[in-house]
Protein backbone atom coordinates (compact mmCIF):
# COMPACT_ATOMS: atom_id res chain seq x y z
CA MET A 1 -5.32 -7.50 -10.51
CA PHE A 2 -5.31 -6.01 -13.98
CA ARG A 3 -3.22 -4.54 -16.24
CA VAL A 4 -5.27 -1.18 -18.42
CA ASP A 5 -4.04 -1.47 -22.50
CA ARG A 6 -5.71 2.07 -22.67
CA SER A 7 -4.94 2.48 -26.61
CA GLN A 8 -6.73 -1.44 -27.36
CA ASN A 9 -9.66 -0.64 -23.77
CA ARG A 10 -8.67 -4.36 -22.87
CA LEU A 11 -7.78 -5.71 -19.60
CA SER A 12 -5.38 -8.71 -19.41
CA ARG A 13 -5.40 -10.67 -15.50
CA LEU A 14 -1.62 -9.85 -13.96
CA THR A 15 -0.15 -12.89 -12.35
CA GLN A 16 -0.80 -12.88 -8.61
CA LYS A 17 2.70 -12.47 -6.61
CA ARG A 18 3.30 -12.73 -2.78
CA PHE A 19 6.03 -10.00 -1.20
CA SER A 20 7.68 -13.25 -0.07
CA ASP A 21 7.06 -14.40 -3.64
CA LEU A 22 9.02 -11.09 -4.80
CA LYS A 23 12.36 -11.59 -2.09
CA LEU A 24 10.20 -8.91 0.10
CA ARG A 25 9.25 -8.64 3.90
CA GLU A 26 6.75 -6.09 5.75
CA ARG A 27 9.29 -4.44 8.10
CA GLY A 28 12.14 -3.87 5.05
CA HIS A 29 10.29 -2.87 1.88
CA LEU A 30 6.25 -1.96 2.88
CA GLN A 31 6.78 -0.07 5.91
CA ASP A 32 9.39 2.23 4.60
CA TRP A 33 6.97 2.56 1.51
CA LEU A 34 3.74 2.94 3.56
CA SER A 35 5.70 5.59 5.87
CA THR A 36 7.62 7.16 2.99
CA HIS A 37 4.03 8.01 1.18
CA ILE A 38 1.61 9.07 3.88
CA ARG A 39 0.27 11.75 2.46
CA LYS A 40 -0.89 9.46 -0.50
CA LEU A 41 -2.73 6.87 2.16
CA GLU A 42 -3.86 9.92 4.21
CA ALA A 43 -5.89 10.91 0.93
CA ALA A 44 -6.44 7.52 -0.94
CA PHE A 45 -8.38 6.90 3.41
CA LYS A 46 -9.30 10.57 3.50
CA GLU A 47 -8.69 10.98 6.83
CA PRO A 48 -4.89 11.80 8.80
CA LEU A 49 -3.38 8.57 9.86
CA ALA A 50 -1.12 8.28 13.13
CA ARG A 51 2.30 6.93 12.43
CA LEU A 52 4.65 5.20 15.41
CA ASN A 53 8.39 4.93 14.01
CA ARG A 54 7.58 2.98 11.01
CA GLN A 55 4.04 1.40 12.24
CA ILE A 56 1.07 3.46 10.41
CA LEU A 57 -2.45 3.62 12.43
CA THR A 58 -5.38 4.76 11.39
CA HIS A 59 -7.49 6.55 14.57
CA ASP A 60 -9.46 2.93 15.10
CA GLU A 61 -6.16 1.63 15.95
CA GLU A 62 -4.65 4.05 17.35
CA PHE A 63 -7.39 4.80 20.81
CA ALA A 64 -7.88 1.35 21.41
């Protein structure tokens, strides 16, 4: 990933981090963020997503 500096029209590479490096966990953090912003995800995927509890499924996963 890169950070964009629009004023100087430059990119700078970001240091790669894992969620575990930041003391973040999938179930405790990531699932909450995704379920909170489900409409934004649907817009990004351009299709509705199913939600089971806090887990999000695509249509392929939902009907498999």
